[in-house]
C-alpha atoms as a PDB file:
ATOM      1  CA  MET A   1     128.535 118.750  26.977  1.00  0.00           C
ATOM      2  CA  GLY A   2     127.962 118.323  30.316  1.00  0.00           C
ATOM      3  CA  MET A   3     125.364 115.540  31.725  1.00  0.00           C
ATOM      4  CA  ALA A   4     123.314 118.740  32.790  1.00  0.00           C
ATOM      5  CA  VAL A   5     122.775 119.616  29.170  1.00  0.00           C
ATOM      6  CA  TRP A   6     121.571 116.391  28.130  1.00  0.00           C
ATOM      7  CA  LYS A   7     118.929 116.049  31.054  1.00  0.00           C
ATOM      8  CA  ARG A   8     117.213 119.378  30.531  1.00  0.00           C
ATOM      9  CA  ALA A   9     117.065 119.131  26.381  1.00  0.00           C
ATOM     10  CA  GLY A  10     114.876 115.273  27.447  1.00  0.00           C
ATOM     11  CA  VAL A  11     112.671 117.240  29.774  1.00  0.00           C
ATOM     12  CA  CYS A  12     112.432 119.890  26.869  1.00  0.00           C
ATOM     13  CA  LEU A  13     112.002 117.303  24.485  1.00  0.00           C
ATOM     14  CA  THR A  14     109.930 115.363  26.583  1.00  0.00           C
ATOM     15  CA  ALA A  15     107.151 118.382  27.275  1.00  0.00           C
ATOM     16  CA  VAL A  16     107.048 119.472  23.114  1.00  0.00           C
ATOM     17  CA  ALA A  17     106.457 115.872  22.084  1.00  0.00           C
ATOM     18  CA  VAL A  18     103.464 115.891  24.869  1.00  0.00           C
ATOM     19  CA  VAL A  19     101.935 119.160  23.671  1.00  0.00           C
ATOM     20  CA  ALA A  20     102.567 118.267  19.736  1.00  0.00           C
ATOM     21  CA  GLY A  21     100.747 114.659  20.881  1.00  0.00           C
ATOM     22  CA  VAL A  22      98.057 116.747  21.760  1.00  0.00           C
ATOM     23  CA  ALA A  23      97.920 119.900  19.355  1.00  0.00           C
ATOM     24  CA  GLY A  24      98.875 117.399  16.092  1.00  0.00           C
ATOM     25  CA  CYS A  25      94.884 116.005  16.276  1.00  0.00           C
ATOM     26  CA  GLN A  26      93.274 119.128  16.192  1.00  0.00           C
ATOM     27  CA  GLY A  27      90.871 119.975  14.242  1.00  0.00           C
ATOM     28  CA  GLY A  28      90.539 122.319  11.524  1.00  0.00           C
ATOM     29  CA  ASP A  29      89.001 125.697  10.820  1.00  0.00           C
ATOM     30  CA  SER A  30      85.095 125.918  11.660  1.00  0.00           C
ATOM     31  CA  ASP A  31      82.096 127.912   9.930  1.00  0.00           C
ATOM     32  CA  GLU A  32      82.014 131.542  11.533  1.00  0.00           C
ATOM     33  CA  GLY A  33      78.542 131.736  13.991  1.00  0.00           C
ATOM     34  CA  GLY A  34      75.986 134.144  16.093  1.00  0.00           C
ATOM     35  CA  LYS A  35      76.537 136.289  17.970  1.00  0.00           C
ATOM     36  CA  LYS A  36      75.264 135.303  21.226  1.00  0.00           C
ATOM     37  CA  LYS A  37      77.135 136.642  24.235  1.00  0.00           C
ATOM     38  CA  ALA A  38      78.605 133.691  26.867  1.00  0.00           C
ATOM     39  CA  GLY A  39      79.298 135.123  29.884  1.00  0.00           C
ATOM     40  CA  GLY A  40      77.599 138.452  30.306  1.00  0.00           C
ATOM     41  CA  SER A  41      74.879 136.676  30.850  1.00  0.00           C
ATOM     42  CA  ALA A  42      75.063 135.059  34.061  1.00  0.00           C
ATOM     43  CA  GLN A  43      72.214 132.732  33.604  1.00  0.00           C
ATOM     44  CA  SER A  44      72.113 129.464  35.448  1.00  0.00           C
ATOM     45  CA  GLY A  45      70.168 127.526  32.807  1.00  0.00           C
ATOM     46  CA  VAL A  46      71.625 125.137  30.801  1.00  0.00           C
ATOM     47  CA  GLN A  47      71.938 126.490  27.129  1.00  0.00           C
ATOM     48  CA  THR A  48      70.748 124.112  24.023  1.00  0.00           C
ATOM     49  CA  GLN A  49      72.463 123.126  21.584  1.00  0.00           C
ATOM     50  CA  THR A  50      72.162 125.928  19.428  1.00  0.00           C
ATOM     51  CA  GLU A  51      72.888 128.495  21.756  1.00  0.00           C
ATOM     52  CA  MET A  52      75.891 126.629  22.941  1.00  0.00           C
ATOM     53  CA  THR A  53      77.652 126.822  18.504  1.00  0.00           C
ATOM     54  CA  GLU A  54      76.418 129.957  18.487  1.00  0.00           C
ATOM     55  CA  VAL A  55      79.316 130.786  21.447  1.00  0.00           C
ATOM     56  CA  LEU A  56      81.603 128.868  20.898  1.00  0.00           C
ATOM     57  CA  GLN A  57      81.759 129.988  16.901  1.00  0.00           C
ATOM     58  CA  ALA A  58      81.963 133.617  18.039  1.00  0.00           C
ATOM     59  CA  ALA A  59      84.826 132.920  20.413  1.00  0.00           C
ATOM     60  CA  PHE A  60      86.355 130.984  17.286  1.00  0.00           C
ATOM     61  CA  LYS A  61      85.792 134.030  15.523  1.00  0.00           C
ATOM     62  CA  ASN A  62      87.045 136.045  17.807  1.00  0.00           C
ATOM     63  CA  THR A  63      90.364 134.409  18.996  1.00  0.00           C
ATOM     64  CA  SER A  64      90.888 133.620  15.132  1.00  0.00           C
ATOM     65  CA  GLU A  65      91.576 137.303  14.373  1.00  0.00           C
ATOM     66  CA  ALA A  66      93.132 138.436  17.515  1.00  0.00           C
ATOM     67  CA  LYS A  67      96.247 136.150  16.279  1.00  0.00           C
ATOM     68  CA  SER A  68      97.763 136.496  19.186  1.00  0.00           C
ATOM     69  CA  SER A  69      97.653 136.551  23.659  1.00  0.00           C
ATOM     70  CA  LYS A  70      99.104 136.503  26.668  1.00  0.00           C
ATOM     71  CA  VAL A  71      99.164 132.532  28.115  1.00  0.00           C
ATOM     72  CA  ARG A  72     100.039 131.371  31.421  1.00  0.00           C
ATOM     73  CA  MET A  73      99.699 127.236  30.433  1.00  0.00           C
ATOM     74  CA  THR A  74     100.635 124.562  33.356  1.00  0.00           C
ATOM     75  CA  MET A  75     101.352 121.209  31.887  1.00  0.00           C
ATOM     76  CA  THR A  76     101.213 118.090  34.733  1.00  0.00           C
ATOM     77  CA  MET A  77     102.057 114.410  33.681  1.00  0.00           C
ATOM     78  CA  PRO A  78     101.227 111.106  35.763  1.00  0.00           C
ATOM     79  CA  ALA A  79     103.854 109.622  37.854  1.00  0.00           C
ATOM     80  CA  ASP A  80     104.205 106.539  35.253  1.00  0.00           C
ATOM     81  CA  ALA A  81     105.017 109.268  32.389  1.00  0.00           C
ATOM     82  CA  SER A  82     108.127 110.432  31.771  1.00  0.00           C
ATOM     83  CA  GLY A  83     108.120 109.803  35.897  1.00  0.00           C
ATOM     84  CA  GLY A  84     105.526 112.638  36.356  1.00  0.00           C
ATOM     85  CA  GLY A  85     106.016 115.857  37.349  1.00  0.00           C
ATOM     86  CA  SER A  86     104.326 119.101  35.952  1.00  0.00           C
ATOM     87  CA  MET A  87     105.728 122.401  33.587  1.00  0.00           C
ATOM     88  CA  GLU A  88     104.887 126.027  33.369  1.00  0.00           C
ATOM     89  CA  LEU A  89     104.935 128.655  30.709  1.00  0.00           C
ATOM     90  CA  SER A  90     104.556 131.402  31.240  1.00  0.00           C
ATOM     91  CA  GLY A  91     104.370 134.600  28.436  1.00  0.00           C
ATOM     92  CA  VAL A  92     103.352 135.557  24.423  1.00  0.00           C
ATOM     93  CA  GLN A  93     102.446 133.273  21.726  1.00  0.00           C
ATOM     94  CA  GLY A  94     100.955 134.021  18.452  1.00  0.00           C
ATOM     95  CA  TRP A  95      99.156 131.364  16.251  1.00  0.00           C
ATOM     96  CA  ASP A  96      98.819 133.191  12.716  1.00  0.00           C
ATOM     97  CA  PRO A  97     101.638 132.718  11.933  1.00  0.00           C
ATOM     98  CA  GLY A  98     102.408 130.255  15.487  1.00  0.00           C
ATOM     99  CA  VAL A  99     105.240 131.799  17.429  1.00  0.00           C
ATOM    100  CA  LEU A 100     106.319 131.332  21.581  1.00  0.00           C
ATOM    101  CA  ASP A 101     108.309 133.501  23.577  1.00  0.00           C
ATOM    102  CA  VAL A 102     107.716 132.170  27.573  1.00  0.00           C
ATOM    103  CA  THR A 103     109.302 131.045  30.679  1.00  0.00           C
ATOM    104  CA  MET A 104     109.377 127.200  31.407  1.00  0.00           C
ATOM    105  CA  LYS A 105     109.612 125.774  34.915  1.00  0.00           C
ATOM    106  CA  ALA A 106     109.646 122.315  36.203  1.00  0.00           C
ATOM    107  CA  SER A 107     108.711 120.604  39.238  1.00  0.00           C
ATOM    108  CA  GLY A 108     108.610 117.055  40.478  1.00  0.00           C
ATOM    109  CA  ALA A 109     110.677 114.639  39.066  1.00  0.00           C
ATOM    110  CA  LEU A 110     110.643 116.702  35.677  1.00  0.00           C
ATOM    111  CA  ALA A 111     112.694 119.423  37.884  1.00  0.00           C
ATOM    112  CA  GLU A 112     114.805 116.136  38.915  1.00  0.00           C
ATOM    113  CA  ASP A 113     115.607 115.244  35.203  1.00  0.00           C
ATOM    114  CA  ALA A 114     117.036 118.539  34.780  1.00  0.00           C
ATOM    115  CA  GLY A 115     119.752 118.570  37.678  1.00  0.00           C
ATOM    116  CA  ALA A 116     117.245 121.688  39.112  1.00  0.00           C
ATOM    117  CA  ALA A 117     113.788 123.709  39.024  1.00  0.00           C
ATOM    118  CA  GLU A 118     115.099 126.610  37.114  1.00  0.00           C
ATOM    119  CA  GLN A 119     113.426 129.469  34.817  1.00  0.00           C
ATOM    120  CA  ASN A 120     114.762 128.606  31.377  1.00  0.00           C
ATOM    121  CA  ARG A 121     113.258 130.994  28.455  1.00  0.00           C
ATOM    122  CA  VAL A 122     112.033 128.765  25.607  1.00  0.00           C
ATOM    123  CA  ILE A 123     110.895 130.633  21.818  1.00  0.00           C
ATOM    124  CA  MET A 124     109.833 129.141  19.237  1.00  0.00           C
ATOM    125  CA  LEU A 125     110.122 130.275  15.805  1.00  0.00           C
ATOM    126  CA  ASP A 126     109.438 129.102  11.822  1.00  0.00           C
ATOM    127  CA  ASP A 127     108.855 125.148  13.778  1.00  0.00           C
ATOM    128  CA  VAL A 128     111.931 125.654  15.334  1.00  0.00           C
ATOM    129  CA  LEU A 129     112.653 126.115  19.093  1.00  0.00           C
ATOM    130  CA  TYR A 130     115.220 127.972  21.262  1.00  0.00           C
ATOM    131  CA  MET A 131     115.655 127.240  24.852  1.00  0.00           C
ATOM    132  CA  ASP A 132     118.409 129.473  26.616  1.00  0.00           C
ATOM    133  CA  MET A 133     120.226 126.854  29.206  1.00  0.00           C
ATOM    134  CA  GLY A 134     121.863 129.818  31.079  1.00  0.00           C
ATOM    135  CA  ALA A 135     125.228 131.475  31.634  1.00  0.00           C
ATOM    136  CA  LYS A 136     126.837 128.081  34.066  1.00  0.00           C
ATOM    137  CA  GLN A 137     125.918 125.706  30.842  1.00  0.00           C
ATOM    138  CA  ALA A 138     127.175 128.448  28.177  1.00  0.00           C
ATOM    139  CA  ALA A 139     130.090 128.034  29.617  1.00  0.00           C
ATOM    140  CA  GLU A 140     130.431 124.725  28.957  1.00  0.00           C
ATOM    141  CA  MET A 141     129.715 125.080  25.317  1.00  0.00           C
ATOM    142  CA  ASP A 142     131.997 128.340  24.203  1.00  0.00           C
ATOM    143  CA  GLY A 143     129.729 130.867  25.642  1.00  0.00           C
ATOM    144  CA  LYS A 144     126.598 129.600  23.186  1.00  0.00           C
ATOM    145  CA  ARG A 145     123.686 129.120  26.004  1.00  0.00           C
ATOM    146  CA  TRP A 146     120.947 128.870  23.459  1.00  0.00           C
ATOM    147  CA  MET A 147     120.051 125.101  22.318  1.00  0.00           C
ATOM    148  CA  LYS A 148     118.428 124.834  18.690  1.00  0.00           C
ATOM    149  CA  MET A 149     115.956 121.982  18.546  1.00  0.00           C
ATOM    150  CA  ASP A 150     114.411 121.722  14.421  1.00  0.00           C
ATOM    151  CA  PHE A 151     112.138 119.079  15.745  1.00  0.00           C
ATOM    152  CA  ALA A 152     110.978 119.391  11.935  1.00  0.00           C
ATOM    153  CA  ALA A 153     114.704 117.427  10.804  1.00  0.00           C
ATOM    154  CA  ILE A 154     114.223 115.896  14.091  1.00  0.00           C
ATOM    155  CA  ALA A 155     111.400 114.133  13.005  1.00  0.00           C
ATOM    156  CA  GLU A 156     112.648 113.481   9.354  1.00  0.00           C
ATOM    157  CA  ALA A 157     115.618 111.878  10.756  1.00  0.00           C
ATOM    158  CA  SER A 158     113.395 109.173  12.123  1.00  0.00           C
ATOM    159  CA  GLY A 159     112.093 107.953   9.254  1.00  0.00           C
ATOM    160  CA  ASP A 160     108.828 107.503  11.041  1.00  0.00           C
ATOM    161  CA  ALA A 161     105.964 108.771   8.851  1.00  0.00           C
ATOM    162  CA  GLY A 162     103.603 108.857  11.530  1.00  0.00           C
ATOM    163  CA  ALA A 163     106.285 110.649  13.690  1.00  0.00           C
ATOM    164  CA  GLN A 164     107.056 113.022  11.331  1.00  0.00           C
ATOM    165  CA  GLN A 165     103.343 114.024  10.889  1.00  0.00           C
ATOM    166  CA  GLN A 166     102.514 113.913  14.448  1.00  0.00           C
ATOM    167  CA  MET A 167     105.597 116.672  15.659  1.00  0.00           C
ATOM    168  CA  THR A 168     105.553 118.730  12.369  1.00  0.00           C
ATOM    169  CA  LYS A 169     101.756 119.039  12.703  1.00  0.00           C
ATOM    170  CA  GLY A 170     101.782 119.517  16.673  1.00  0.00           C
ATOM    171  CA  LEU A 171     104.623 121.979  16.499  1.00  0.00           C
ATOM    172  CA  GLU A 172     102.514 124.286  14.030  1.00  0.00           C
ATOM    173  CA  SER A 173      99.610 124.671  17.337  1.00  0.00           C
ATOM    174  CA  LEU A 174     102.507 123.611  19.755  1.00  0.00           C
ATOM    175  CA  ASN A 175     101.633 127.126  21.979  1.00  0.00           C
ATOM    176  CA  GLN A 176      98.141 125.865  21.688  1.00  0.00           C
ATOM    177  CA  ASP A 177      95.965 127.657  19.681  1.00  0.00           C
ATOM    178  CA  PRO A 178      92.897 128.954  21.135  1.00  0.00           C
ATOM    179  CA  ALA A 179      91.053 128.596  18.241  1.00  0.00           C
ATOM    180  CA  GLN A 180      92.014 125.171  16.939  1.00  0.00           C
ATOM    181  CA  GLN A 181      91.022 124.230  20.213  1.00  0.00           C
ATOM    182  CA  LEU A 182      87.020 125.544  20.153  1.00  0.00           C
ATOM    183  CA  ALA A 183      87.238 124.039  16.505  1.00  0.00           C
ATOM    184  CA  LEU A 184      87.926 120.681  18.313  1.00  0.00           C
ATOM    185  CA  LEU A 185      85.258 121.492  20.664  1.00  0.00           C
ATOM    186  CA  LEU A 186      82.387 122.100  18.247  1.00  0.00           C
ATOM    187  CA  GLU A 187      83.483 118.694  16.699  1.00  0.00           C
ATOM    188  CA  SER A 188      82.722 116.682  20.094  1.00  0.00           C
ATOM    189  CA  PRO A 189      79.728 114.615  19.947  1.00  0.00           C
ATOM    190  CA  SER A 190      79.335 115.392  23.256  1.00  0.00           C
ATOM    191  CA  LEU A 191      79.042 119.126  24.092  1.00  0.00           C
ATOM    192  CA  LYS A 192      77.636 120.026  26.980  1.00  0.00           C
ATOM    193  CA  HIS A 193      77.127 123.409  28.499  1.00  0.00           C
ATOM    194  CA  VAL A 194      78.570 123.169  32.523  1.00  0.00           C
ATOM    195  CA  GLY A 195      77.117 126.655  33.226  1.00  0.00           C
ATOM    196  CA  PRO A 196      78.911 129.878  34.724  1.00  0.00           C
ATOM    197  CA  GLU A 197      81.355 130.200  36.481  1.00  0.00           C
ATOM    198  CA  LYS A 198      84.034 132.815  37.730  1.00  0.00           C
ATOM    199  CA  VAL A 199      87.449 132.797  35.938  1.00  0.00           C
ATOM    200  CA  ASP A 200      90.419 135.256  36.648  1.00  0.00           C
ATOM    201  CA  GLY A 201      88.068 137.687  37.759  1.00  0.00           C
ATOM    202  CA  ALA A 202      85.569 137.745  34.782  1.00  0.00           C
ATOM    203  CA  GLN A 203      82.318 135.996  34.634  1.00  0.00           C
ATOM    204  CA  THR A 204      82.341 132.998  32.058  1.00  0.00           C
ATOM    205  CA  GLN A 205      80.114 130.262  30.996  1.00  0.00           C
ATOM    206  CA  HIS A 206      81.760 126.808  30.887  1.00  0.00           C
ATOM    207  CA  TYR A 207      81.514 124.145  28.165  1.00  0.00           C
ATOM    208  CA  LYS A 208      83.167 120.355  27.569  1.00  0.00           C
ATOM    209  CA  GLY A 209      83.398 117.785  25.428  1.00  0.00           C
ATOM    210  CA  THR A 210      85.085 114.732  24.489  1.00  0.00           C
ATOM    211  CA  LEU A 211      86.642 112.986  21.554  1.00  0.00           C
ATOM    212  CA  THR A 212      88.062 109.647  20.907  1.00  0.00           C
ATOM    213  CA  PHE A 213      90.975 109.648  18.656  1.00  0.00           C
ATOM    214  CA  GLN A 214      88.741 108.122  15.554  1.00  0.00           C
ATOM    215  CA  GLU A 215      86.169 111.217  16.164  1.00  0.00           C
ATOM    216  CA  MET A 216      89.482 113.547  16.060  1.00  0.00           C
ATOM    217  CA  ALA A 217      90.764 112.158  13.165  1.00  0.00           C
ATOM    218  CA  ASP A 218      87.384 112.486  11.309  1.00  0.00           C
ATOM    219  CA  ALA A 219      87.231 116.201  12.436  1.00  0.00           C
ATOM    220  CA  ASN A 220      90.809 116.966  11.180  1.00  0.00           C
ATOM    221  CA  GLU A 221      91.202 117.813   7.193  1.00  0.00           C
ATOM    222  CA  SER A 222      94.392 117.475   6.858  1.00  0.00           C
ATOM    223  CA  PHE A 223      94.274 113.433   7.721  1.00  0.00           C
ATOM    224  CA  ASP A 224      92.576 113.559   4.260  1.00  0.00           C
ATOM    225  CA  LEU A 225      95.860 115.076   2.847  1.00  0.00           C
ATOM    226  CA  LEU A 226      97.873 111.778   4.297  1.00  0.00           C
ATOM    227  CA  SER A 227      98.258 108.620   2.348  1.00  0.00           C
ATOM    228  CA  ALA A 228      97.049 105.156   3.438  1.00  0.00           C
ATOM    229  CA  LYS A 229     100.189 104.268   4.853  1.00  0.00           C
ATOM    230  CA  GLU A 230     100.774 107.386   6.886  1.00  0.00           C
ATOM    231  CA  ARG A 231      97.334 107.153   8.348  1.00  0.00           C
ATOM    232  CA  GLU A 232      97.833 103.598   9.516  1.00  0.00           C
ATOM    233  CA  GLU A 233     100.743 104.149  10.507  1.00  0.00           C
ATOM    234  CA  ILE A 234      99.326 107.494  12.693  1.00  0.00           C
ATOM    235  CA  PHE A 235      97.080 105.160  14.267  1.00  0.00           C
ATOM    236  CA  ALA A 236      98.766 102.021  14.791  1.00  0.00           C
ATOM    237  CA  ALA A 237     101.148 104.586  16.830  1.00  0.00           C
ATOM    238  CA  ALA A 238      98.045 105.797  18.570  1.00  0.00           C
ATOM    239  CA  LYS A 239      97.104 102.568  19.655  1.00  0.00           C
ATOM    240  CA  LYS A 240     100.477 101.294  20.829  1.00  0.00           C
ATOM    241  CA  SER A 241     100.820 104.674  23.093  1.00  0.00           C
ATOM    242  CA  GLY A 242      97.290 103.117  24.292  1.00  0.00           C
ATOM    243  CA  MET A 243      95.938 106.738  23.844  1.00  0.00           C
ATOM    244  CA  LYS A 244      91.843 107.020  24.326  1.00  0.00           C
ATOM    245  CA  GLY A 245      91.090 110.422  23.596  1.00  0.00           C
ATOM    246  CA  TYR A 246      90.997 113.940  24.838  1.00  0.00           C
ATOM    247  CA  ASP A 247      88.854 115.615  27.321  1.00  0.00           C
ATOM    248  CA  THR A 248      88.476 119.719  26.545  1.00  0.00           C
ATOM    249  CA  GLN A 249      86.686 122.475  28.425  1.00  0.00           C
ATOM    250  CA  VAL A 250      86.761 125.749  27.733  1.00  0.00           C
ATOM    251  CA  TRP A 251      85.597 129.072  29.258  1.00  0.00           C
ATOM    252  CA  VAL A 252      84.167 132.313  27.341  1.00  0.00           C
ATOM    253  CA  ASN A 253      83.857 135.275  29.008  1.00  0.00           C
ATOM    254  CA  GLU A 254      80.878 137.982  28.035  1.00  0.00           C
ATOM    255  CA  ASP A 255      83.263 139.445  24.881  1.00  0.00           C
ATOM    256  CA  ASN A 256      83.303 136.027  23.191  1.00  0.00           C
ATOM    257  CA  TYR A 257      87.293 135.003  24.095  1.00  0.00           C
ATOM    258  CA  PRO A 258      87.976 131.998  25.780  1.00  0.00           C
ATOM    259  CA  VAL A 259      89.759 133.222  29.560  1.00  0.00           C
ATOM    260  CA  LYS A 260      90.767 129.334  30.031  1.00  0.00           C
ATOM    261  CA  MET A 261      91.005 125.906  28.854  1.00  0.00           C
ATOM    262  CA  LEU A 262      91.857 122.866  29.635  1.00  0.00           C
ATOM    263  CA  VAL A 263      92.544 119.547  27.322  1.00  0.00           C
ATOM    264  CA  GLY A 264      93.361 116.152  28.670  1.00  0.00           C
ATOM    265  CA  MET A 265      94.815 113.463  27.211  1.00  0.00           C
ATOM    266  CA  LYS A 266      93.880 109.938  28.229  1.00  0.00           C
ATOM    267  CA  MET A 267      96.582 107.088  28.637  1.00  0.00           C
ATOM    268  CA  PRO A 268      97.159 104.221  30.416  1.00  0.00           C
ATOM    269  CA  GLN A 269      99.527 105.665  33.416  1.00  0.00           C
ATOM    270  CA  GLY A 270      96.692 108.503  33.615  1.00  0.00           C
ATOM    271  CA  THR A 271      95.475 111.585  31.968  1.00  0.00           C
ATOM    272  CA  VAL A 272      98.034 114.245  30.928  1.00  0.00           C
ATOM    273  CA  ASN A 273      96.526 117.898  31.708  1.00  0.00           C
ATOM    274  CA  MET A 274      97.834 121.463  29.959  1.00  0.00           C
ATOM    275  CA  THR A 275      95.611 123.676  31.814  1.00  0.00           C
ATOM    276  CA  ALA A 276      96.305 127.139  30.179  1.00  0.00           C
ATOM    277  CA  HIS A 277      95.085 130.714  31.029  1.00  0.00           C
ATOM    278  CA  TYR A 278      94.939 133.133  28.336  1.00  0.00           C
ATOM    279  CA  SER A 279      94.420 137.437  28.882  1.00  0.00           C
ATOM    280  CA  ASP A 280      95.354 140.269  26.350  1.00  0.00           C
ATOM    281  CA  TYR A 281      93.852 139.236  22.768  1.00  0.00           C
ATOM    282  CA  GLY A 282      95.950 141.087  20.560  1.00  0.00           C
ATOM    283  CA  ALA A 283      99.029 141.577  22.829  1.00  0.00           C
ATOM    284  CA  ALA A 284     102.411 142.260  20.660  1.00  0.00           C
ATOM    285  CA  ALA A 285     103.594 138.411  19.666  1.00  0.00           C
ATOM    286  CA  GLU A 286     106.968 139.896  17.700  1.00  0.00           C
ATOM    287  CA  VAL A 287     109.377 137.116  18.883  1.00  0.00           C
ATOM    288  CA  GLU A 288     113.165 136.954  17.323  1.00  0.00           C
ATOM    289  CA  ALA A 289     115.305 134.087  17.165  1.00  0.00           C
ATOM    290  CA  PRO A 290     118.794 133.916  19.079  1.00  0.00           C
ATOM    291  CA  ALA A 291     121.539 134.845  17.076  1.00  0.00           C
ATOM    292  CA  ALA A 292     123.434 131.978  15.791  1.00  0.00           C
ATOM    293  CA  LYS A 293     126.713 133.115  17.620  1.00  0.00           C
ATOM    294  CA  ASP A 294     124.834 132.371  20.484  1.00  0.00           C
ATOM    295  CA  THR A 295     123.524 129.139  19.403  1.00  0.00           C
ATOM    296  CA  PHE A 296     124.503 125.150  19.147  1.00  0.00           C
ATOM    297  CA  ASP A 297     121.957 123.251  17.238  1.00  0.00           C
ATOM    298  CA  LEU A 298     121.463 120.264  19.221  1.00  0.00           C
ATOM    299  CA  MET A 299     120.536 118.035  15.550  1.00  0.00           C
ATOM    300  CA  GLU A 300     124.200 118.572  14.954  1.00  0.00           C
ATOM    301  CA  MET A 301     125.146 117.339  18.165  1.00  0.00           C
ATOM    302  CA  PHE A 302     123.853 113.705  17.818  1.00  0.00           C
ATOM    303  CA  LYS A 303     125.121 113.384  14.335  1.00  0.00           C
ATOM    304  CA  GLU A 304     128.593 114.634  15.763  1.00  0.00           C
ATOM    305  CA  LEU A 305     127.883 111.781  18.264  1.00  0.00           C
ATOM    306  CA  GLU A 306     127.148 109.415  15.711  1.00  0.00           C
ATOM    307  CA  GLY A 307     130.220 109.695  13.906  1.00  0.00           C
ATOM    308  CA  LEU A 308     132.347 109.769  16.894  1.00  0.00           C
ATOM    309  CA  GLY A 309     130.336 106.213  17.633  1.00  0.00           C
ATOM    310  CA  ALA A 310     131.088 104.828  14.447  1.00  0.00           C
ATOM    311  CA  GLY A 311     134.532 105.754  14.527  1.00  0.00           C
ATOM    312  CA  ALA A 312     135.125 104.031  17.980  1.00  0.00           C
END
């Protein structure tokens, strides 16, 4: 396989690992709430705790029921994190079930690692990611242009229970399910109403909150399903990485749908930010996996390389 293929695989793995790190610790369901509108009232006054809760619960309910949307997402990493740079994604996503069909473009150091700032189509379906490597790379792979990455299998092969839980749970929310982000924000003890703002031409209300890793774990019901050893491994991994917590911001329009979200993961090197713009809630998210004849499995290649190494 050409070096460019491996480099692009590394870029994609980096992006997924970062997104999974943010998404994997999201909270569970939130109670359905009131009907208070958010952006419709261009009020300048600060909302009470009850008013904020009503808006965010209504937004959670609406978003959960929509099940899909169009999305534009930008992920930026500080210079010391994997060389820095940014990743842009644009397309359609669904979160019940979790699917994704977007174009992805790297810039900065991430693009240099990939060999070029080209756009690549990325599909996620059934916890498996497929990346279109393009016609040029297909020529090196017997015409197979789609790289298949089954991250659940990769995590299982690692033998690390913490990594397995983080990756598999993260992939469930790889597309940054906005409903789960709202549920997480509702758990923040520092939830604050910033005020009215215009976003993408819509009147919205801006909210923000912060959670430490411990607070996120307490809010995440999935942690209750883990053994004591698995929880210890996850906390040890978080401590080793220097993860300090998350900042979450959301802008809710007058129909009580989030139109913008910003999630910041605070690390020693700086903050990894993911900013998503949502529109067309309920947009069709009919995603199909590439044909098997056009696909090569990254995990199988890892195994083949290990075999070659053993025979050397």
